[in-house]
Amino acid sequence: MILSTVRIVLPARQLIEVMGLLAPMAQRTRTERGCLDCQLHRDLLEENVLILEEKWATKVDLERHIRSEDYRQLLLIMELAKTPPEVRFDTVSGSEGFEAVARIRG
């Protein structure tokens, strides 16, 4: 699984407008082949920060998405950022849930 994270610091006057563009984009992304999840978050501790998190089944799925029109729109939105946006692609080899906490705590 590949986790894609984009963190954008926006001018205050553009935050609501950008949220209005990214929310439907995230909904469309959820329907793409290989997308396991897509969430748009607003940072509660830092004003005017949006975080877009996507989970992809394979690198091929992620690369197809990066070539999409929606991702081109995301790149244009990133140009509005006050500071260079943070973009990360993390490969996750496995994951565990609460059962791991129970196992570790005995």
PDB file of N, CA and C in Angstrom:
ATOM      1  N   MET A   1       0.854  -1.178   0.000  1.00  0.00           N
ATOM      2  CA  MET A   1       0.000   0.000   0.000  1.00  0.00           C
ATOM      3  C   MET A   1       0.893   1.232   0.000  1.00  0.00           C
ATOM      4  N   ILE A   2       0.445   2.251  -0.694  1.00  0.00           N
ATOM      5  CA  ILE A   2       1.177   3.518  -0.749  1.00  0.00           C
ATOM      6  C   ILE A   2       0.283   4.612  -0.187  1.00  0.00           C
ATOM      7  N   LEU A   3       0.837   5.368   0.750  1.00  0.00           N
ATOM      8  CA  LEU A   3       0.137   6.487   1.365  1.00  0.00           C
ATOM      9  C   LEU A   3       0.683   7.772   0.747  1.00  0.00           C
ATOM     10  N   SER A   4      -0.198   8.534   0.134  1.00  0.00           N
ATOM     11  CA  SER A   4       0.152   9.819  -0.460  1.00  0.00           C
ATOM     12  C   SER A   4      -0.388  10.916   0.450  1.00  0.00           C
ATOM     13  N   THR A   5       0.486  11.838   0.844  1.00  0.00           N
ATOM     14  CA  THR A   5       0.077  12.933   1.719  1.00  0.00           C
ATOM     15  C   THR A   5       0.508  14.257   1.100  1.00  0.00           C
ATOM     16  N   VAL A   6      -0.448  15.173   0.984  1.00  0.00           N
ATOM     17  CA  VAL A   6      -0.163  16.524   0.498  1.00  0.00           C
ATOM     18  C   VAL A   6      -0.625  17.492   1.576  1.00  0.00           C
ATOM     19  N   ARG A   7       0.294  18.346   2.026  1.00  0.00           N
ATOM     20  CA  ARG A   7      -0.007  19.345   3.062  1.00  0.00           C
ATOM     21  C   ARG A   7       0.197  20.717   2.440  1.00  0.00           C
ATOM     22  N   ILE A   8      -0.861  21.530   2.473  1.00  0.00           N
ATOM     23  CA  ILE A   8      -0.833  22.836   1.820  1.00  0.00           C
ATOM     24  C   ILE A   8      -1.183  23.923   2.830  1.00  0.00           C
ATOM     25  N   VAL A   9      -0.326  24.944   2.929  1.00  0.00           N
ATOM     26  CA  VAL A   9      -0.608  26.133   3.738  1.00  0.00           C
ATOM     27  C   VAL A   9      -1.112  27.198   2.767  1.00  0.00           C
ATOM     28  N   LEU A  10      -2.342  27.627   2.981  1.00  0.00           N
ATOM     29  CA  LEU A  10      -2.987  28.549   2.047  1.00  0.00           C
ATOM     30  C   LEU A  10      -3.177  29.933   2.648  1.00  0.00           C
ATOM     31  N   PRO A  11      -3.278  30.953   1.805  1.00  0.00           N
ATOM     32  CA  PRO A  11      -3.703  32.255   2.309  1.00  0.00           C
ATOM     33  C   PRO A  11      -5.115  32.118   2.881  1.00  0.00           C
ATOM     34  N   ALA A  12      -5.387  32.794   3.986  1.00  0.00           N
ATOM     35  CA  ALA A  12      -6.678  32.664   4.672  1.00  0.00           C
ATOM     36  C   ALA A  12      -7.855  32.929   3.738  1.00  0.00           C
ATOM     37  N   ARG A  13      -7.715  33.889   2.865  1.00  0.00           N
ATOM     38  CA  ARG A  13      -8.830  34.262   1.986  1.00  0.00           C
ATOM     39  C   ARG A  13      -9.160  33.175   0.965  1.00  0.00           C
ATOM     40  N   GLN A  14      -8.270  32.208   0.763  1.00  0.00           N
ATOM     41  CA  GLN A  14      -8.505  31.167  -0.244  1.00  0.00           C
ATOM     42  C   GLN A  14      -8.853  29.811   0.358  1.00  0.00           C
ATOM     43  N   LEU A  15      -8.803  29.694   1.663  1.00  0.00           N
ATOM     44  CA  LEU A  15      -9.000  28.395   2.310  1.00  0.00           C
ATOM     45  C   LEU A  15     -10.352  27.773   1.969  1.00  0.00           C
ATOM     46  N   ILE A  16     -11.426  28.502   2.150  1.00  0.00           N
ATOM     47  CA  ILE A  16     -12.772  27.961   1.919  1.00  0.00           C
ATOM     48  C   ILE A  16     -12.958  27.597   0.447  1.00  0.00           C
ATOM     49  N   GLU A  17     -12.480  28.452  -0.436  1.00  0.00           N
ATOM     50  CA  GLU A  17     -12.600  28.173  -1.873  1.00  0.00           C
ATOM     51  C   GLU A  17     -11.861  26.884  -2.244  1.00  0.00           C
ATOM     52  N   VAL A  18     -10.654  26.725  -1.733  1.00  0.00           N
ATOM     53  CA  VAL A  18      -9.865  25.527  -2.043  1.00  0.00           C
ATOM     54  C   VAL A  18     -10.511  24.284  -1.440  1.00  0.00           C
ATOM     55  N   MET A  19     -11.056  24.402  -0.237  1.00  0.00           N
ATOM     56  CA  MET A  19     -11.774  23.266   0.351  1.00  0.00           C
ATOM     57  C   MET A  19     -12.935  22.857  -0.555  1.00  0.00           C
ATOM     58  N   GLY A  20     -13.612  23.840  -1.122  1.00  0.00           N
ATOM     59  CA  GLY A  20     -14.721  23.562  -2.026  1.00  0.00           C
ATOM     60  C   GLY A  20     -14.295  22.874  -3.311  1.00  0.00           C
ATOM     61  N   LEU A  21     -13.051  23.067  -3.716  1.00  0.00           N
ATOM     62  CA  LEU A  21     -12.523  22.383  -4.897  1.00  0.00           C
ATOM     63  C   LEU A  21     -12.012  20.987  -4.556  1.00  0.00           C
ATOM     64  N   LEU A  22     -11.342  20.870  -3.400  1.00  0.00           N
ATOM     65  CA  LEU A  22     -10.723  19.592  -3.039  1.00  0.00           C
ATOM     66  C   LEU A  22     -11.718  18.550  -2.538  1.00  0.00           C
ATOM     67  N   ALA A  23     -12.790  18.975  -1.883  1.00  0.00           N
ATOM     68  CA  ALA A  23     -13.749  17.998  -1.335  1.00  0.00           C
ATOM     69  C   ALA A  23     -14.369  17.127  -2.431  1.00  0.00           C
ATOM     70  N   PRO A  24     -14.912  17.701  -3.515  1.00  0.00           N
ATOM     71  CA  PRO A  24     -15.448  16.832  -4.567  1.00  0.00           C
ATOM     72  C   PRO A  24     -14.356  16.044  -5.290  1.00  0.00           C
ATOM     73  N   MET A  25     -13.155  16.619  -5.364  1.00  0.00           N
ATOM     74  CA  MET A  25     -12.034  15.905  -5.967  1.00  0.00           C
ATOM     75  C   MET A  25     -11.725  14.643  -5.156  1.00  0.00           C
ATOM     76  N   ALA A  26     -11.738  14.771  -3.833  1.00  0.00           N
ATOM     77  CA  ALA A  26     -11.487  13.615  -2.963  1.00  0.00           C
ATOM     78  C   ALA A  26     -12.574  12.560  -3.154  1.00  0.00           C
ATOM     79  N   GLN A  27     -13.811  12.995  -3.312  1.00  0.00           N
ATOM     80  CA  GLN A  27     -14.906  12.040  -3.541  1.00  0.00           C
ATOM     81  C   GLN A  27     -14.702  11.281  -4.844  1.00  0.00           C
ATOM     82  N   ARG A  28     -14.293  11.971  -5.889  1.00  0.00           N
ATOM     83  CA  ARG A  28     -14.039  11.300  -7.172  1.00  0.00           C
ATOM     84  C   ARG A  28     -12.863  10.341  -7.059  1.00  0.00           C
ATOM     85  N   THR A  29     -11.829  10.769  -6.342  1.00  0.00           N
ATOM     86  CA  THR A  29     -10.645   9.926  -6.189  1.00  0.00           C
ATOM     87  C   THR A  29     -11.004   8.607  -5.527  1.00  0.00           C
ATOM     88  N   ARG A  30     -11.904   8.638  -4.554  1.00  0.00           N
ATOM     89  CA  ARG A  30     -12.318   7.405  -3.861  1.00  0.00           C
ATOM     90  C   ARG A  30     -12.883   6.356  -4.809  1.00  0.00           C
ATOM     91  N   THR A  31     -13.381   6.786  -5.964  1.00  0.00           N
ATOM     92  CA  THR A  31     -13.978   5.845  -6.916  1.00  0.00           C
ATOM     93  C   THR A  31     -12.968   5.321  -7.938  1.00  0.00           C
ATOM     94  N   GLU A  32     -11.750   5.835  -7.918  1.00  0.00           N
ATOM     95  CA  GLU A  32     -10.744   5.388  -8.882  1.00  0.00           C
ATOM     96  C   GLU A  32     -10.261   3.984  -8.545  1.00  0.00           C
ATOM     97  N   ARG A  33      -9.929   3.243  -9.590  1.00  0.00           N
ATOM     98  CA  ARG A  33      -9.400   1.892  -9.408  1.00  0.00           C
ATOM     99  C   ARG A  33      -8.112   1.946  -8.576  1.00  0.00           C
ATOM    100  N   GLY A  34      -8.055   1.135  -7.544  1.00  0.00           N
ATOM    101  CA  GLY A  34      -6.874   1.055  -6.698  1.00  0.00           C
ATOM    102  C   GLY A  34      -6.862   2.004  -5.521  1.00  0.00           C
ATOM    103  N   CYS A  35      -7.820   2.940  -5.467  1.00  0.00           N
ATOM    104  CA  CYS A  35      -7.877   3.852  -4.320  1.00  0.00           C
ATOM    105  C   CYS A  35      -8.540   3.135  -3.151  1.00  0.00           C
ATOM    106  N   LEU A  36      -7.818   3.038  -2.052  1.00  0.00           N
ATOM    107  CA  LEU A  36      -8.343   2.395  -0.850  1.00  0.00           C
ATOM    108  C   LEU A  36      -9.036   3.394   0.065  1.00  0.00           C
ATOM    109  N   ASP A  37      -8.610   4.665  -0.005  1.00  0.00           N
ATOM    110  CA  ASP A  37      -9.217   5.716   0.814  1.00  0.00           C
ATOM    111  C   ASP A  37      -8.680   7.061   0.347  1.00  0.00           C
ATOM    112  N   CYS A  38      -9.463   8.100   0.555  1.00  0.00           N
ATOM    113  CA  CYS A  38      -9.038   9.465   0.259  1.00  0.00           C
ATOM    114  C   CYS A  38      -9.766  10.382   1.227  1.00  0.00           C
ATOM    115  N   GLN A  39      -9.004  11.153   1.995  1.00  0.00           N
ATOM    116  CA  GLN A  39      -9.579  12.026   3.015  1.00  0.00           C
ATOM    117  C   GLN A  39      -8.961  13.418   2.914  1.00  0.00           C
ATOM    118  N   LEU A  40      -9.801  14.423   3.084  1.00  0.00           N
ATOM    119  CA  LEU A  40      -9.349  15.806   3.159  1.00  0.00           C
ATOM    120  C   LEU A  40      -9.520  16.264   4.594  1.00  0.00           C
ATOM    121  N   HIS A  41      -8.440  16.780   5.192  1.00  0.00           N
ATOM    122  CA  HIS A  41      -8.467  17.215   6.589  1.00  0.00           C
ATOM    123  C   HIS A  41      -8.047  18.676   6.685  1.00  0.00           C
ATOM    124  N   ARG A  42      -8.561  19.316   7.698  1.00  0.00           N
ATOM    125  CA  ARG A  42      -8.119  20.668   8.052  1.00  0.00           C
ATOM    126  C   ARG A  42      -7.344  20.551   9.353  1.00  0.00           C
ATOM    127  N   ASP A  43      -6.152  21.121   9.400  1.00  0.00           N
ATOM    128  CA  ASP A  43      -5.316  21.056  10.595  1.00  0.00           C
ATOM    129  C   ASP A  43      -5.948  21.910  11.692  1.00  0.00           C
ATOM    130  N   LEU A  44      -6.206  21.312  12.842  1.00  0.00           N
ATOM    131  CA  LEU A  44      -6.839  22.038  13.948  1.00  0.00           C
ATOM    132  C   LEU A  44      -5.853  22.886  14.739  1.00  0.00           C
ATOM    133  N   LEU A  45      -4.578  22.582  14.625  1.00  0.00           N
ATOM    134  CA  LEU A  45      -3.571  23.304  15.400  1.00  0.00           C
ATOM    135  C   LEU A  45      -2.894  24.419  14.614  1.00  0.00           C
ATOM    136  N   GLU A  46      -2.970  24.344  13.309  1.00  0.00           N
ATOM    137  CA  GLU A  46      -2.324  25.349  12.473  1.00  0.00           C
ATOM    138  C   GLU A  46      -3.349  25.885  11.470  1.00  0.00           C
ATOM    139  N   GLU A  47      -3.579  27.171  11.531  1.00  0.00           N
ATOM    140  CA  GLU A  47      -4.595  27.783  10.668  1.00  0.00           C
ATOM    141  C   GLU A  47      -4.222  27.661   9.194  1.00  0.00           C
ATOM    142  N   ASN A  48      -5.247  27.561   8.379  1.00  0.00           N
ATOM    143  CA  ASN A  48      -5.106  27.621   6.927  1.00  0.00           C
ATOM    144  C   ASN A  48      -4.288  26.479   6.328  1.00  0.00           C
ATOM    145  N   VAL A  49      -4.291  25.340   6.999  1.00  0.00           N
ATOM    146  CA  VAL A  49      -3.570  24.167   6.504  1.00  0.00           C
ATOM    147  C   VAL A  49      -4.573  23.078   6.142  1.00  0.00           C
ATOM    148  N   LEU A  50      -4.456  22.576   4.917  1.00  0.00           N
ATOM    149  CA  LEU A  50      -5.254  21.442   4.466  1.00  0.00           C
ATOM    150  C   LEU A  50      -4.328  20.261   4.213  1.00  0.00           C
ATOM    151  N   ILE A  51      -4.820  19.073   4.531  1.00  0.00           N
ATOM    152  CA  ILE A  51      -4.049  17.852   4.327  1.00  0.00           C
ATOM    153  C   ILE A  51      -4.915  16.887   3.521  1.00  0.00           C
ATOM    154  N   LEU A  52      -4.391  16.448   2.401  1.00  0.00           N
ATOM    155  CA  LEU A  52      -5.069  15.472   1.560  1.00  0.00           C
ATOM    156  C   LEU A  52      -4.316  14.155   1.687  1.00  0.00           C
ATOM    157  N   GLU A  53      -4.996  13.134   2.196  1.00  0.00           N
ATOM    158  CA  GLU A  53      -4.386  11.814   2.372  1.00  0.00           C
ATOM    159  C   GLU A  53      -5.085  10.809   1.471  1.00  0.00           C
ATOM    160  N   GLU A  54      -4.285  10.084   0.704  1.00  0.00           N
ATOM    161  CA  GLU A  54      -4.809   9.052  -0.182  1.00  0.00           C
ATOM    162  C   GLU A  54      -4.072   7.753   0.103  1.00  0.00           C
ATOM    163  N   LYS A  55      -4.791   6.639   0.027  1.00  0.00           N
ATOM    164  CA  LYS A  55      -4.184   5.316   0.168  1.00  0.00           C
ATOM    165  C   LYS A  55      -4.415   4.563  -1.132  1.00  0.00           C
ATOM    166  N   TRP A  56      -3.333   4.029  -1.689  1.00  0.00           N
ATOM    167  CA  TRP A  56      -3.383   3.341  -2.976  1.00  0.00           C
ATOM    168  C   TRP A  56      -2.905   1.904  -2.828  1.00  0.00           C
ATOM    169  N   ALA A  57      -3.561   1.006  -3.548  1.00  0.00           N
ATOM    170  CA  ALA A  57      -3.217  -0.415  -3.477  1.00  0.00           C
ATOM    171  C   ALA A  57      -1.836  -0.682  -4.064  1.00  0.00           C
ATOM    172  N   THR A  58      -1.520  -0.027  -5.189  1.00  0.00           N
ATOM    173  CA  THR A  58      -0.235  -0.282  -5.849  1.00  0.00           C
ATOM    174  C   THR A  58       0.362   1.022  -6.375  1.00  0.00           C
ATOM    175  N   LYS A  59       1.640   0.952  -6.703  1.00  0.00           N
ATOM    176  CA  LYS A  59       2.329   2.089  -7.300  1.00  0.00           C
ATOM    177  C   LYS A  59       1.721   2.424  -8.665  1.00  0.00           C
ATOM    178  N   VAL A  60       1.329   1.407  -9.409  1.00  0.00           N
ATOM    179  CA  VAL A  60       0.699   1.616 -10.718  1.00  0.00           C
ATOM    180  C   VAL A  60      -0.592   2.420 -10.564  1.00  0.00           C
ATOM    181  N   ASP A  61      -1.395   2.086  -9.556  1.00  0.00           N
ATOM    182  CA  ASP A  61      -2.639   2.828  -9.303  1.00  0.00           C
ATOM    183  C   ASP A  61      -2.345   4.287  -8.969  1.00  0.00           C
ATOM    184  N   LEU A  62      -1.360   4.515  -8.110  1.00  0.00           N
ATOM    185  CA  LEU A  62      -0.987   5.882  -7.738  1.00  0.00           C
ATOM    186  C   LEU A  62      -0.497   6.654  -8.958  1.00  0.00           C
ATOM    187  N   GLU A  63       0.351   6.031  -9.760  1.00  0.00           N
ATOM    188  CA  GLU A  63       0.885   6.721 -10.940  1.00  0.00           C
ATOM    189  C   GLU A  63      -0.220   7.064 -11.935  1.00  0.00           C
ATOM    190  N   ARG A  64      -1.198   6.191 -12.095  1.00  0.00           N
ATOM    191  CA  ARG A  64      -2.342   6.482 -12.968  1.00  0.00           C
ATOM    192  C   ARG A  64      -3.071   7.723 -12.443  1.00  0.00           C
ATOM    193  N   HIS A  65      -3.249   7.779 -11.125  1.00  0.00           N
ATOM    194  CA  HIS A  65      -3.922   8.926 -10.510  1.00  0.00           C
ATOM    195  C   HIS A  65      -3.119  10.213 -10.717  1.00  0.00           C
ATOM    196  N   ILE A  66      -1.810  10.134 -10.571  1.00  0.00           N
ATOM    197  CA  ILE A  66      -0.966  11.321 -10.735  1.00  0.00           C
ATOM    198  C   ILE A  66      -1.060  11.866 -12.163  1.00  0.00           C
ATOM    199  N   ARG A  67      -1.334  11.009 -13.124  1.00  0.00           N
ATOM    200  CA  ARG A  67      -1.496  11.450 -14.516  1.00  0.00           C
ATOM    201  C   ARG A  67      -2.914  11.963 -14.811  1.00  0.00           C
ATOM    202  N   SER A  68      -3.813  11.909 -13.833  1.00  0.00           N
ATOM    203  CA  SER A  68      -5.219  12.272 -14.054  1.00  0.00           C
ATOM    204  C   SER A  68      -5.423  13.789 -14.093  1.00  0.00           C
ATOM    205  N   GLU A  69      -6.568  14.168 -14.629  1.00  0.00           N
ATOM    206  CA  GLU A  69      -6.958  15.580 -14.671  1.00  0.00           C
ATOM    207  C   GLU A  69      -7.129  16.135 -13.255  1.00  0.00           C
ATOM    208  N   ASP A  70      -7.694  15.343 -12.347  1.00  0.00           N
ATOM    209  CA  ASP A  70      -7.856  15.815 -10.968  1.00  0.00           C
ATOM    210  C   ASP A  70      -6.506  16.139 -10.335  1.00  0.00           C
ATOM    211  N   TYR A  71      -5.498  15.319 -10.588  1.00  0.00           N
ATOM    212  CA  TYR A  71      -4.185  15.597  -9.993  1.00  0.00           C
ATOM    213  C   TYR A  71      -3.571  16.848 -10.632  1.00  0.00           C
ATOM    214  N   ARG A  72      -3.841  17.056 -11.912  1.00  0.00           N
ATOM    215  CA  ARG A  72      -3.369  18.287 -12.554  1.00  0.00           C
ATOM    216  C   ARG A  72      -3.992  19.495 -11.857  1.00  0.00           C
ATOM    217  N   GLN A  73      -5.281  19.384 -11.513  1.00  0.00           N
ATOM    218  CA  GLN A  73      -5.944  20.457 -10.776  1.00  0.00           C
ATOM    219  C   GLN A  73      -5.320  20.641  -9.393  1.00  0.00           C
ATOM    220  N   LEU A  74      -4.974  19.539  -8.741  1.00  0.00           N
ATOM    221  CA  LEU A  74      -4.319  19.620  -7.435  1.00  0.00           C
ATOM    222  C   LEU A  74      -2.987  20.356  -7.553  1.00  0.00           C
ATOM    223  N   LEU A  75      -2.231  20.074  -8.599  1.00  0.00           N
ATOM    224  CA  LEU A  75      -0.957  20.773  -8.806  1.00  0.00           C
ATOM    225  C   LEU A  75      -1.176  22.273  -8.974  1.00  0.00           C
ATOM    226  N   LEU A  76      -2.234  22.652  -9.670  1.00  0.00           N
ATOM    227  CA  LEU A  76      -2.553  24.081  -9.820  1.00  0.00           C
ATOM    228  C   LEU A  76      -2.925  24.698  -8.478  1.00  0.00           C
ATOM    229  N   ILE A  77      -3.684  23.966  -7.669  1.00  0.00           N
ATOM    230  CA  ILE A  77      -4.049  24.452  -6.331  1.00  0.00           C
ATOM    231  C   ILE A  77      -2.802  24.627  -5.477  1.00  0.00           C
ATOM    232  N   MET A  78      -1.845  23.717  -5.603  1.00  0.00           N
ATOM    233  CA  MET A  78      -0.608  23.815  -4.817  1.00  0.00           C
ATOM    234  C   MET A  78       0.150  25.100  -5.118  1.00  0.00           C
ATOM    235  N   GLU A  79      -0.022  25.636  -6.313  1.00  0.00           N
ATOM    236  CA  GLU A  79       0.650  26.887  -6.668  1.00  0.00           C
ATOM    237  C   GLU A  79       0.126  28.067  -5.854  1.00  0.00           C
ATOM    238  N   LEU A  80      -1.047  27.933  -5.248  1.00  0.00           N
ATOM    239  CA  LEU A  80      -1.613  28.995  -4.412  1.00  0.00           C
ATOM    240  C   LEU A  80      -1.009  29.023  -3.011  1.00  0.00           C
ATOM    241  N   ALA A  81      -0.267  27.993  -2.655  1.00  0.00           N
ATOM    242  CA  ALA A  81       0.246  27.845  -1.294  1.00  0.00           C
ATOM    243  C   ALA A  81       1.155  29.007  -0.901  1.00  0.00           C
ATOM    244  N   LYS A  82       1.099  29.359   0.394  1.00  0.00           N
ATOM    245  CA  LYS A  82       1.957  30.418   0.937  1.00  0.00           C
ATOM    246  C   LYS A  82       3.402  29.957   1.028  1.00  0.00           C
ATOM    247  N   THR A  83       3.586  28.671   1.280  1.00  0.00           N
ATOM    248  CA  THR A  83       4.917  28.068   1.369  1.00  0.00           C
ATOM    249  C   THR A  83       4.909  26.836   0.465  1.00  0.00           C
ATOM    250  N   PRO A  84       6.080  26.335   0.093  1.00  0.00           N
ATOM    251  CA  PRO A  84       6.077  25.134  -0.751  1.00  0.00           C
ATOM    252  C   PRO A  84       5.291  24.004  -0.079  1.00  0.00           C
ATOM    253  N   PRO A  85       4.365  23.385  -0.803  1.00  0.00           N
ATOM    254  CA  PRO A  85       3.574  22.305  -0.205  1.00  0.00           C
ATOM    255  C   PRO A  85       4.449  21.093   0.093  1.00  0.00           C
ATOM    256  N   GLU A  86       4.033  20.326   1.082  1.00  0.00           N
ATOM    257  CA  GLU A  86       4.729  19.083   1.405  1.00  0.00           C
ATOM    258  C   GLU A  86       4.010  17.954   0.681  1.00  0.00           C
ATOM    259  N   VAL A  87       4.756  17.177  -0.069  1.00  0.00           N
ATOM    260  CA  VAL A  87       4.208  16.030  -0.788  1.00  0.00           C
ATOM    261  C   VAL A  87       5.045  14.820  -0.410  1.00  0.00           C
ATOM    262  N   ARG A  88       4.365  13.760   0.065  1.00  0.00           N
ATOM    263  CA  ARG A  88       5.065  12.538   0.488  1.00  0.00           C
ATOM    264  C   ARG A  88       4.362  11.322  -0.089  1.00  0.00           C
ATOM    265  N   PHE A  89       5.170  10.327  -0.432  1.00  0.00           N
ATOM    266  CA  PHE A  89       4.665   9.023  -0.843  1.00  0.00           C
ATOM    267  C   PHE A  89       5.364   7.989   0.026  1.00  0.00           C
ATOM    268  N   ASP A  90       4.619   7.362   0.914  1.00  0.00           N
ATOM    269  CA  ASP A  90       5.174   6.377   1.836  1.00  0.00           C
ATOM    270  C   ASP A  90       4.650   4.992   1.478  1.00  0.00           C
ATOM    271  N   THR A  91       5.560   4.034   1.371  1.00  0.00           N
ATOM    272  CA  THR A  91       5.172   2.655   1.115  1.00  0.00           C
ATOM    273  C   THR A  91       4.992   1.948   2.449  1.00  0.00           C
ATOM    274  N   VAL A  92       3.820   1.353   2.641  1.00  0.00           N
ATOM    275  CA  VAL A  92       3.485   0.662   3.890  1.00  0.00           C
ATOM    276  C   VAL A  92       3.498  -0.832   3.603  1.00  0.00           C
ATOM    277  N   SER A  93       4.317  -1.561   4.339  1.00  0.00           N
ATOM    278  CA  SER A  93       4.427  -3.000   4.081  1.00  0.00           C
ATOM    279  C   SER A  93       3.391  -3.812   4.847  1.00  0.00           C
ATOM    280  N   GLY A  94       2.784  -3.226   5.858  1.00  0.00           N
ATOM    281  CA  GLY A  94       1.759  -3.929   6.625  1.00  0.00           C
ATOM    282  C   GLY A  94       1.147  -2.996   7.646  1.00  0.00           C
ATOM    283  N   SER A  95       0.045  -3.430   8.229  1.00  0.00           N
ATOM    284  CA  SER A  95      -0.582  -2.630   9.272  1.00  0.00           C
ATOM    285  C   SER A  95      -1.318  -3.544  10.238  1.00  0.00           C
ATOM    286  N   GLU A  96      -1.477  -3.059  11.454  1.00  0.00           N
ATOM    287  CA  GLU A  96      -2.197  -3.787  12.492  1.00  0.00           C
ATOM    288  C   GLU A  96      -3.176  -2.831  13.142  1.00  0.00           C
ATOM    289  N   GLY A  97      -4.147  -3.376  13.823  1.00  0.00           N
ATOM    290  CA  GLY A  97      -5.138  -2.571  14.506  1.00  0.00           C
ATOM    291  C   GLY A  97      -5.007  -2.695  16.010  1.00  0.00           C
ATOM    292  N   PHE A  98      -6.129  -2.524  16.683  1.00  0.00           N
ATOM    293  CA  PHE A  98      -6.148  -2.526  18.142  1.00  0.00           C
ATOM    294  C   PHE A  98      -5.664  -3.845  18.727  1.00  0.00           C
ATOM    295  N   GLU A  99      -5.801  -4.923  17.955  1.00  0.00           N
ATOM    296  CA  GLU A  99      -5.317  -6.216  18.452  1.00  0.00           C
ATOM    297  C   GLU A  99      -3.825  -6.163  18.772  1.00  0.00           C
ATOM    298  N   ALA A 100      -3.073  -5.322  18.079  1.00  0.00           N
ATOM    299  CA  ALA A 100      -1.647  -5.166  18.373  1.00  0.00           C
ATOM    300  C   ALA A 100      -1.454  -4.514  19.738  1.00  0.00           C
ATOM    301  N   VAL A 101      -2.284  -3.532  20.070  1.00  0.00           N
ATOM    302  CA  VAL A 101      -2.206  -2.885  21.385  1.00  0.00           C
ATOM    303  C   VAL A 101      -2.490  -3.910  22.473  1.00  0.00           C
ATOM    304  N   ALA A 102      -3.535  -4.697  22.285  1.00  0.00           N
ATOM    305  CA  ALA A 102      -3.891  -5.721  23.278  1.00  0.00           C
ATOM    306  C   ALA A 102      -2.764  -6.736  23.435  1.00  0.00           C
ATOM    307  N   ARG A 103      -2.174  -7.138  22.323  1.00  0.00           N
ATOM    308  CA  ARG A 103      -1.078  -8.109  22.376  1.00  0.00           C
ATOM    309  C   ARG A 103       0.141  -7.528  23.105  1.00  0.00           C
ATOM    310  N   ILE A 104       0.483  -6.315  22.801  1.00  0.00           N
ATOM    311  CA  ILE A 104       1.666  -5.682  23.386  1.00  0.00           C
ATOM    312  C   ILE A 104       1.473  -5.403  24.872  1.00  0.00           C
ATOM    313  N   ARG A 105       0.275  -4.969  25.236  1.00  0.00           N
ATOM    314  CA  ARG A 105       0.006  -4.648  26.642  1.00  0.00           C
ATOM    315  C   ARG A 105      -0.282  -5.892  27.465  1.00  0.00           C
ATOM    316  N   GLY A 106      -0.443  -7.021  26.792  1.00  0.00           N
ATOM    317  CA  GLY A 106      -0.637  -8.295  27.500  1.00  0.00           C
ATOM    318  C   GLY A 106      -2.016  -8.463  27.975  1.00  0.00           C
TER     319      GLY A 106
END
